[in-house]
């Protein structure tokens, strides 16, 4: 071929050629769509989150005076207590789930500027998320009020 030669492409012939291979094209589209769907199902797992809040009252002295200095320490103590084996083991027993799953699912944080503890449970199964959240909350309240004999929740 020299520089002056031109290549002519007939678009109608090219379209006829591709239309004659329609079965191959449709099969390829379905294979690609199935691969993309399968990949997205494997990679994108849903996570469910349940958030519960506990309000902690400040202890009072015998003359009904609030002890505000102890409020932050009390919050930190309760937050640490929720993450212990004492709570996770009892909650796991109530929810019929392994203690390791309960421990890995819960997170505890303090609401800024308030005496509120936020208990966050994250799991892949919505029912298990609710079970863990309810059992951890119930166990925490039970442990603080009955075992520790505190009534400030």
N, C-alpha and C. Protein backbone atom coordinates (compact mmCIF):
# COMPACT_ATOMS: atom_id res chain seq x y z
N UNK A 1 0.83 -1.18 0.00
CA UNK A 1 0.00 0.00 0.00
C UNK A 1 0.87 1.24 0.00
N UNK A 2 0.53 2.16 -0.83
CA UNK A 2 1.27 3.42 -0.78
C UNK A 2 0.42 4.48 -0.08
N UNK A 3 0.94 5.66 0.05
CA UNK A 3 0.31 6.69 0.86
C UNK A 3 -1.03 7.16 0.31
N UNK A 4 -1.25 7.07 -0.95
CA UNK A 4 -2.47 7.59 -1.56
C UNK A 4 -3.61 6.58 -1.55
N UNK A 5 -3.34 5.35 -1.18
CA UNK A 5 -4.41 4.35 -1.14
C UNK A 5 -5.34 4.62 0.04
N UNK A 6 -6.58 4.51 -0.21
CA UNK A 6 -7.57 4.71 0.84
C UNK A 6 -8.26 3.38 1.11
N UNK A 7 -8.61 3.18 2.36
CA UNK A 7 -9.34 1.99 2.73
C UNK A 7 -10.79 2.40 2.91
N UNK A 8 -11.64 1.71 2.24
CA UNK A 8 -13.05 2.02 2.33
C UNK A 8 -13.73 1.00 3.22
N UNK A 9 -14.48 1.52 4.22
CA UNK A 9 -15.21 0.65 5.14
C UNK A 9 -16.69 0.89 4.92
N UNK A 10 -17.37 -0.18 4.62
CA UNK A 10 -18.81 -0.08 4.40
C UNK A 10 -19.50 -0.40 5.72
N UNK A 11 -20.14 0.62 6.32
CA UNK A 11 -20.78 0.45 7.61
C UNK A 11 -21.98 -0.50 7.55
N UNK A 12 -22.66 -0.50 6.43
CA UNK A 12 -23.81 -1.39 6.29
C UNK A 12 -23.35 -2.85 6.28
N UNK A 13 -22.28 -3.14 5.59
CA UNK A 13 -21.75 -4.51 5.58
C UNK A 13 -21.25 -4.92 6.98
N UNK A 14 -20.64 -3.95 7.67
CA UNK A 14 -20.14 -4.26 9.01
C UNK A 14 -21.32 -4.56 9.96
N UNK A 15 -22.39 -3.79 9.86
CA UNK A 15 -23.57 -4.03 10.69
C UNK A 15 -24.19 -5.38 10.37
N UNK A 16 -24.26 -5.72 9.10
CA UNK A 16 -24.80 -7.02 8.71
C UNK A 16 -23.95 -8.15 9.27
N UNK A 17 -22.65 -7.97 9.27
CA UNK A 17 -21.75 -8.99 9.81
C UNK A 17 -22.01 -9.19 11.31
N UNK A 18 -22.10 -8.08 12.07
CA UNK A 18 -22.33 -8.18 13.52
C UNK A 18 -23.71 -8.75 13.82
N UNK A 19 -24.69 -8.40 13.01
CA UNK A 19 -26.03 -8.95 13.22
C UNK A 19 -26.08 -10.44 12.92
N UNK A 20 -25.23 -10.90 12.03
CA UNK A 20 -25.19 -12.33 11.75
C UNK A 20 -24.59 -13.11 12.93
N UNK A 21 -23.88 -12.44 13.81
CA UNK A 21 -23.28 -13.06 15.00
C UNK A 21 -24.05 -12.70 16.27
N UNK A 22 -25.37 -12.46 16.17
CA UNK A 22 -26.17 -11.99 17.29
C UNK A 22 -26.20 -12.97 18.46
N UNK A 23 -26.16 -14.23 18.21
CA UNK A 23 -26.20 -15.22 19.29
C UNK A 23 -24.94 -15.12 20.15
N UNK A 24 -23.81 -14.98 19.50
CA UNK A 24 -22.55 -14.86 20.23
C UNK A 24 -22.55 -13.58 21.07
N UNK A 25 -23.06 -12.51 20.52
CA UNK A 25 -23.10 -11.23 21.23
C UNK A 25 -24.01 -11.33 22.46
N UNK A 26 -25.18 -11.93 22.31
CA UNK A 26 -26.11 -12.06 23.43
C UNK A 26 -25.53 -12.96 24.53
N UNK A 27 -24.91 -14.05 24.12
CA UNK A 27 -24.29 -14.95 25.11
C UNK A 27 -23.18 -14.21 25.86
N UNK A 28 -22.37 -13.44 25.16
CA UNK A 28 -21.29 -12.69 25.80
C UNK A 28 -21.84 -11.66 26.78
N UNK A 29 -22.94 -10.99 26.41
CA UNK A 29 -23.56 -10.01 27.30
C UNK A 29 -24.06 -10.69 28.57
N UNK A 30 -24.73 -11.83 28.45
CA UNK A 30 -25.23 -12.54 29.63
C UNK A 30 -24.09 -13.05 30.51
N UNK A 31 -23.03 -13.53 29.91
CA UNK A 31 -21.88 -14.01 30.69
C UNK A 31 -21.26 -12.86 31.47
N UNK A 32 -21.08 -11.72 30.82
CA UNK A 32 -20.50 -10.56 31.50
C UNK A 32 -21.43 -10.05 32.59
N UNK A 33 -22.73 -9.99 32.33
CA UNK A 33 -23.69 -9.53 33.34
C UNK A 33 -23.69 -10.48 34.54
N UNK A 34 -23.64 -11.77 34.29
CA UNK A 34 -23.59 -12.74 35.38
C UNK A 34 -22.31 -12.61 36.20
N UNK A 35 -21.20 -12.38 35.53
CA UNK A 35 -19.93 -12.21 36.24
C UNK A 35 -19.95 -10.96 37.12
N UNK A 36 -20.48 -9.88 36.60
CA UNK A 36 -20.57 -8.64 37.37
C UNK A 36 -21.51 -8.81 38.56
N UNK A 37 -22.64 -9.46 38.35
CA UNK A 37 -23.59 -9.70 39.43
C UNK A 37 -22.96 -10.58 40.53
N UNK A 38 -22.30 -11.65 40.12
CA UNK A 38 -21.64 -12.53 41.08
C UNK A 38 -20.56 -11.83 41.87
N UNK A 39 -19.77 -11.03 41.20
CA UNK A 39 -18.70 -10.28 41.86
C UNK A 39 -19.28 -9.30 42.88
N UNK A 40 -20.36 -8.61 42.50
CA UNK A 40 -20.95 -7.63 43.42
C UNK A 40 -21.59 -8.33 44.63
N UNK A 41 -22.15 -9.52 44.43
CA UNK A 41 -22.73 -10.26 45.55
C UNK A 41 -21.64 -10.72 46.53
N UNK A 42 -20.51 -11.11 46.01
CA UNK A 42 -19.42 -11.59 46.86
C UNK A 42 -18.76 -10.44 47.60
N UNK A 43 -18.50 -9.35 46.93
CA UNK A 43 -17.76 -8.24 47.51
C UNK A 43 -18.61 -7.31 48.38
N UNK A 44 -19.85 -7.09 48.05
CA UNK A 44 -20.68 -6.13 48.76
C UNK A 44 -21.62 -6.84 49.73
N UNK A 45 -21.18 -6.95 50.97
CA UNK A 45 -22.00 -7.56 52.01
C UNK A 45 -22.70 -6.44 52.79
N UNK A 46 -23.97 -6.66 53.10
CA UNK A 46 -24.73 -5.68 53.88
C UNK A 46 -24.33 -5.78 55.33
N UNK A 47 -24.22 -4.63 55.97
CA UNK A 47 -23.98 -4.56 57.40
C UNK A 47 -25.17 -3.87 58.05
N UNK A 48 -25.66 -4.44 59.12
CA UNK A 48 -26.78 -3.87 59.86
C UNK A 48 -26.25 -3.30 61.17
N UNK A 49 -26.79 -2.17 61.57
CA UNK A 49 -26.34 -1.51 62.79
C UNK A 49 -27.53 -1.21 63.69
N UNK A 50 -27.38 -1.55 64.95
CA UNK A 50 -28.39 -1.21 65.96
C UNK A 50 -27.70 -0.31 67.00
N UNK A 51 -28.33 0.81 67.29
CA UNK A 51 -27.76 1.75 68.26
C UNK A 51 -28.71 1.88 69.45
N UNK A 52 -28.15 1.74 70.62
CA UNK A 52 -28.91 1.88 71.86
C UNK A 52 -28.20 2.90 72.73
N UNK A 53 -28.98 3.67 73.46
CA UNK A 53 -28.37 4.67 74.34
C UNK A 53 -28.78 4.44 75.78
N UNK A 54 -27.81 4.60 76.67
CA UNK A 54 -28.04 4.49 78.10
C UNK A 54 -27.80 5.85 78.73
N UNK A 55 -28.74 6.30 79.52
CA UNK A 55 -28.56 7.56 80.24
C UNK A 55 -28.09 7.22 81.64
N UNK A 56 -26.98 7.81 82.03
CA UNK A 56 -26.40 7.55 83.34
C UNK A 56 -26.65 8.76 84.23
N UNK A 57 -27.32 8.53 85.35
CA UNK A 57 -27.56 9.62 86.28
C UNK A 57 -26.36 9.77 87.19
N UNK A 58 -26.18 10.96 87.67
CA UNK A 58 -25.05 11.26 88.53
C UNK A 58 -25.41 10.86 89.96
N UNK A 59 -24.48 10.21 90.66
CA UNK A 59 -24.77 9.82 92.04
C UNK A 59 -24.99 11.05 92.94
N UNK A 60 -25.81 10.88 93.96
CA UNK A 60 -26.09 11.96 94.90
C UNK A 60 -25.53 11.59 96.28
N UNK A 61 -25.15 12.60 96.99
CA UNK A 61 -24.69 12.36 98.36
C UNK A 61 -25.92 12.25 99.25
N UNK A 62 -25.71 12.03 100.51
CA UNK A 62 -26.83 11.85 101.43
C UNK A 62 -27.70 13.11 101.55
N UNK A 63 -27.12 14.28 101.32
CA UNK A 63 -27.92 15.51 101.43
C UNK A 63 -28.42 15.97 100.06
N UNK A 64 -28.52 15.04 99.09
CA UNK A 64 -29.11 15.29 97.77
C UNK A 64 -28.30 16.26 96.91
N UNK A 65 -27.01 16.38 97.15
CA UNK A 65 -26.15 17.24 96.36
C UNK A 65 -25.52 16.39 95.25
N UNK A 66 -25.55 16.89 94.04
CA UNK A 66 -24.98 16.13 92.92
C UNK A 66 -23.46 16.11 93.00
N UNK A 67 -22.90 14.97 92.70
CA UNK A 67 -21.44 14.86 92.65
C UNK A 67 -21.06 14.85 91.17
N UNK A 68 -20.80 16.00 90.61
CA UNK A 68 -20.52 16.11 89.18
C UNK A 68 -19.12 15.64 88.81
N UNK A 69 -18.18 15.67 89.74
CA UNK A 69 -16.82 15.26 89.44
C UNK A 69 -16.73 13.78 89.08
N UNK A 70 -17.61 12.97 89.67
CA UNK A 70 -17.56 11.53 89.45
C UNK A 70 -18.30 11.10 88.19
N UNK A 71 -19.06 11.99 87.55
CA UNK A 71 -19.89 11.60 86.41
C UNK A 71 -19.05 11.06 85.26
N UNK A 72 -17.98 11.74 84.91
CA UNK A 72 -17.15 11.30 83.79
C UNK A 72 -16.46 9.98 84.11
N UNK A 73 -15.98 9.84 85.33
CA UNK A 73 -15.35 8.59 85.74
C UNK A 73 -16.34 7.44 85.71
N UNK A 74 -17.56 7.70 86.16
CA UNK A 74 -18.60 6.69 86.14
C UNK A 74 -18.93 6.26 84.71
N UNK A 75 -19.00 7.22 83.81
CA UNK A 75 -19.26 6.92 82.39
C UNK A 75 -18.15 6.02 81.82
N UNK A 76 -16.91 6.38 82.11
CA UNK A 76 -15.77 5.60 81.62
C UNK A 76 -15.79 4.18 82.20
N UNK A 77 -16.15 4.08 83.47
CA UNK A 77 -16.25 2.75 84.10
C UNK A 77 -17.31 1.89 83.43
N UNK A 78 -18.47 2.47 83.18
CA UNK A 78 -19.55 1.72 82.55
C UNK A 78 -19.20 1.33 81.12
N UNK A 79 -18.53 2.24 80.41
CA UNK A 79 -18.13 1.92 79.03
C UNK A 79 -17.13 0.77 79.02
N UNK A 80 -16.20 0.78 79.95
CA UNK A 80 -15.23 -0.32 80.05
C UNK A 80 -15.91 -1.61 80.46
N UNK A 81 -16.89 -1.51 81.36
CA UNK A 81 -17.62 -2.69 81.82
C UNK A 81 -18.36 -3.38 80.67
N UNK A 82 -18.94 -2.60 79.78
CA UNK A 82 -19.69 -3.17 78.66
C UNK A 82 -18.79 -4.00 77.76
N UNK A 83 -17.54 -3.63 77.66
CA UNK A 83 -16.60 -4.36 76.78
C UNK A 83 -15.95 -5.58 77.44
N UNK A 84 -16.25 -5.82 78.72
CA UNK A 84 -15.60 -6.92 79.43
C UNK A 84 -16.25 -8.27 79.12
N UNK A 85 -15.55 -9.32 79.54
CA UNK A 85 -16.07 -10.68 79.37
C UNK A 85 -17.32 -10.91 80.21
N UNK A 86 -17.42 -10.22 81.33
CA UNK A 86 -18.58 -10.37 82.20
C UNK A 86 -19.87 -10.09 81.42
N UNK A 87 -19.90 -9.00 80.71
CA UNK A 87 -21.08 -8.62 79.92
C UNK A 87 -21.19 -9.47 78.67
N UNK A 88 -20.10 -9.61 77.92
CA UNK A 88 -20.19 -10.33 76.63
C UNK A 88 -20.54 -11.80 76.82
N UNK A 89 -20.04 -12.43 77.87
CA UNK A 89 -20.36 -13.84 78.10
C UNK A 89 -21.84 -14.04 78.46
N UNK A 90 -22.34 -13.18 79.35
CA UNK A 90 -23.76 -13.28 79.73
C UNK A 90 -24.67 -12.95 78.54
N UNK A 91 -24.30 -11.92 77.79
CA UNK A 91 -25.10 -11.52 76.63
C UNK A 91 -25.08 -12.61 75.57
N UNK A 92 -23.93 -13.24 75.38
CA UNK A 92 -23.82 -14.32 74.40
C UNK A 92 -24.68 -15.50 74.79
N UNK A 93 -24.71 -15.79 76.08
CA UNK A 93 -25.54 -16.89 76.56
C UNK A 93 -27.02 -16.60 76.34
N UNK A 94 -27.43 -15.35 76.60
CA UNK A 94 -28.83 -14.95 76.39
C UNK A 94 -29.23 -15.02 74.92
N UNK A 95 -28.30 -14.63 74.04
CA UNK A 95 -28.61 -14.55 72.61
C UNK A 95 -28.27 -15.84 71.86
N UNK A 96 -27.70 -16.83 72.55
CA UNK A 96 -27.26 -18.09 71.93
C UNK A 96 -26.28 -17.84 70.79
N UNK A 97 -25.31 -16.99 71.06
CA UNK A 97 -24.27 -16.63 70.09
C UNK A 97 -22.94 -16.75 70.82
N UNK A 98 -21.87 -16.99 70.09
CA UNK A 98 -20.56 -17.12 70.73
C UNK A 98 -20.11 -15.77 71.31
N UNK A 99 -19.41 -15.81 72.44
CA UNK A 99 -18.93 -14.56 73.05
C UNK A 99 -18.00 -13.75 72.15
N UNK A 100 -17.24 -14.45 71.31
CA UNK A 100 -16.35 -13.73 70.38
C UNK A 100 -17.13 -12.89 69.39
N UNK A 101 -18.25 -13.43 68.90
CA UNK A 101 -19.08 -12.67 67.95
C UNK A 101 -19.70 -11.46 68.63
N UNK A 102 -20.11 -11.64 69.88
CA UNK A 102 -20.70 -10.52 70.62
C UNK A 102 -19.65 -9.43 70.82
N UNK A 103 -18.46 -9.83 71.25
CA UNK A 103 -17.38 -8.86 71.49
C UNK A 103 -17.00 -8.11 70.23
N UNK A 104 -16.91 -8.83 69.11
CA UNK A 104 -16.49 -8.17 67.87
C UNK A 104 -17.59 -7.29 67.28
N UNK A 105 -18.84 -7.53 67.67
CA UNK A 105 -19.95 -6.77 67.10
C UNK A 105 -20.24 -5.46 67.84
N UNK A 106 -19.80 -5.35 69.11
CA UNK A 106 -20.18 -4.17 69.88
C UNK A 106 -19.10 -3.11 69.90
N UNK A 107 -19.56 -1.87 69.92
CA UNK A 107 -18.70 -0.70 70.10
C UNK A 107 -19.43 0.22 71.07
N UNK A 108 -18.66 0.90 71.91
CA UNK A 108 -19.24 1.77 72.92
C UNK A 108 -18.59 3.14 72.80
N UNK A 109 -19.43 4.18 72.84
CA UNK A 109 -18.88 5.53 72.84
C UNK A 109 -19.76 6.44 73.70
N UNK A 110 -19.17 7.54 74.11
CA UNK A 110 -19.88 8.50 74.93
C UNK A 110 -20.36 9.64 74.05
N UNK A 111 -21.61 10.04 74.23
CA UNK A 111 -22.14 11.18 73.50
C UNK A 111 -21.51 12.44 74.09
N UNK A 112 -20.90 13.24 73.23
CA UNK A 112 -20.19 14.44 73.67
C UNK A 112 -21.11 15.40 74.41
N UNK A 113 -20.67 15.82 75.59
CA UNK A 113 -21.41 16.80 76.36
C UNK A 113 -22.64 16.27 77.08
N UNK A 114 -22.80 14.96 77.14
CA UNK A 114 -23.97 14.38 77.79
C UNK A 114 -23.55 13.15 78.58
N UNK A 115 -24.40 12.75 79.49
CA UNK A 115 -24.13 11.53 80.26
C UNK A 115 -24.86 10.36 79.61
N UNK A 116 -24.61 10.20 78.32
CA UNK A 116 -25.26 9.13 77.56
C UNK A 116 -24.18 8.23 76.96
N UNK A 117 -24.36 6.94 77.16
CA UNK A 117 -23.48 5.94 76.56
C UNK A 117 -24.20 5.39 75.34
N UNK A 118 -23.51 5.41 74.23
CA UNK A 118 -24.09 4.89 72.99
C UNK A 118 -23.50 3.50 72.73
N UNK A 119 -24.36 2.51 72.66
CA UNK A 119 -23.97 1.13 72.40
C UNK A 119 -24.31 0.83 70.94
N UNK A 120 -23.29 0.53 70.14
CA UNK A 120 -23.48 0.30 68.70
C UNK A 120 -23.13 -1.15 68.39
N UNK A 121 -24.07 -1.85 67.77
CA UNK A 121 -23.85 -3.24 67.37
C UNK A 121 -23.91 -3.31 65.86
N UNK A 122 -22.89 -3.89 65.24
CA UNK A 122 -22.82 -4.02 63.79
C UNK A 122 -22.60 -5.48 63.43
N UNK A 123 -23.47 -6.02 62.58
CA UNK A 123 -23.42 -7.43 62.16
C UNK A 123 -23.93 -7.55 60.74
N UNK A 124 -23.66 -8.69 60.12
CA UNK A 124 -24.12 -8.95 58.75
C UNK A 124 -25.56 -9.46 58.70
N UNK A 125 -26.07 -9.96 59.83
CA UNK A 125 -27.42 -10.50 59.88
C UNK A 125 -28.28 -9.57 60.74
N UNK A 126 -29.42 -9.13 60.21
CA UNK A 126 -30.24 -8.14 60.91
C UNK A 126 -30.83 -8.71 62.20
N UNK A 127 -31.27 -9.96 62.18
CA UNK A 127 -31.85 -10.55 63.39
C UNK A 127 -30.80 -10.74 64.48
N UNK A 128 -29.60 -11.16 64.07
CA UNK A 128 -28.53 -11.34 65.05
C UNK A 128 -28.11 -9.99 65.62
N UNK A 129 -28.15 -8.93 64.81
CA UNK A 129 -27.83 -7.59 65.29
C UNK A 129 -28.79 -7.18 66.40
N UNK A 130 -30.07 -7.41 66.17
CA UNK A 130 -31.09 -7.07 67.17
C UNK A 130 -30.91 -7.91 68.44
N UNK A 131 -30.65 -9.22 68.26
CA UNK A 131 -30.46 -10.11 69.41
C UNK A 131 -29.30 -9.65 70.28
N UNK A 132 -28.17 -9.36 69.63
CA UNK A 132 -26.98 -8.95 70.37
C UNK A 132 -27.24 -7.63 71.08
N UNK A 133 -27.84 -6.69 70.38
CA UNK A 133 -28.10 -5.37 70.97
C UNK A 133 -28.99 -5.49 72.21
N UNK A 134 -30.05 -6.23 72.08
CA UNK A 134 -30.98 -6.39 73.21
C UNK A 134 -30.32 -7.14 74.37
N UNK A 135 -29.60 -8.21 74.07
CA UNK A 135 -28.99 -8.99 75.15
C UNK A 135 -27.87 -8.21 75.85
N UNK A 136 -27.08 -7.43 75.11
CA UNK A 136 -26.02 -6.63 75.74
C UNK A 136 -26.64 -5.53 76.61
N UNK A 137 -27.68 -4.88 76.10
CA UNK A 137 -28.35 -3.83 76.89
C UNK A 137 -28.94 -4.41 78.17
N UNK A 138 -29.69 -5.50 78.04
CA UNK A 138 -30.31 -6.12 79.21
C UNK A 138 -29.26 -6.59 80.22
N UNK A 139 -28.20 -7.20 79.72
CA UNK A 139 -27.14 -7.70 80.60
C UNK A 139 -26.42 -6.56 81.29
N UNK A 140 -26.19 -5.46 80.58
CA UNK A 140 -25.52 -4.31 81.17
C UNK A 140 -26.36 -3.72 82.30
N UNK A 141 -27.63 -3.52 82.03
CA UNK A 141 -28.52 -2.95 83.05
C UNK A 141 -28.61 -3.89 84.25
N UNK A 142 -28.77 -5.17 83.97
CA UNK A 142 -28.86 -6.16 85.04
C UNK A 142 -27.58 -6.19 85.88
N UNK A 143 -26.44 -6.17 85.23
CA UNK A 143 -25.16 -6.23 85.93
C UNK A 143 -24.94 -4.99 86.79
N UNK A 144 -25.26 -3.83 86.25
CA UNK A 144 -25.03 -2.60 87.01
C UNK A 144 -26.02 -2.47 88.16
N UNK A 145 -27.27 -2.78 87.91
CA UNK A 145 -28.28 -2.58 88.97
C UNK A 145 -28.29 -3.69 90.01
N UNK A 146 -28.09 -4.92 89.60
CA UNK A 146 -28.18 -6.03 90.55
C UNK A 146 -26.82 -6.45 91.10
N UNK A 147 -25.87 -6.70 90.23
CA UNK A 147 -24.57 -7.19 90.67
C UNK A 147 -23.78 -6.10 91.38
N UNK A 148 -23.73 -4.91 90.76
CA UNK A 148 -22.98 -3.82 91.37
C UNK A 148 -23.82 -2.99 92.34
N UNK A 149 -25.12 -3.27 92.39
CA UNK A 149 -26.07 -2.59 93.27
C UNK A 149 -26.05 -1.08 93.10
N UNK A 150 -26.03 -0.67 91.83
CA UNK A 150 -26.12 0.77 91.49
C UNK A 150 -27.48 0.98 90.86
N UNK A 151 -28.06 2.13 91.09
CA UNK A 151 -29.37 2.40 90.50
C UNK A 151 -29.34 3.70 89.69
N UNK A 152 -28.24 3.99 89.10
CA UNK A 152 -28.12 5.25 88.38
C UNK A 152 -28.02 5.05 86.87
N UNK A 153 -28.86 4.19 86.32
CA UNK A 153 -28.95 4.04 84.86
C UNK A 153 -30.32 4.46 84.41
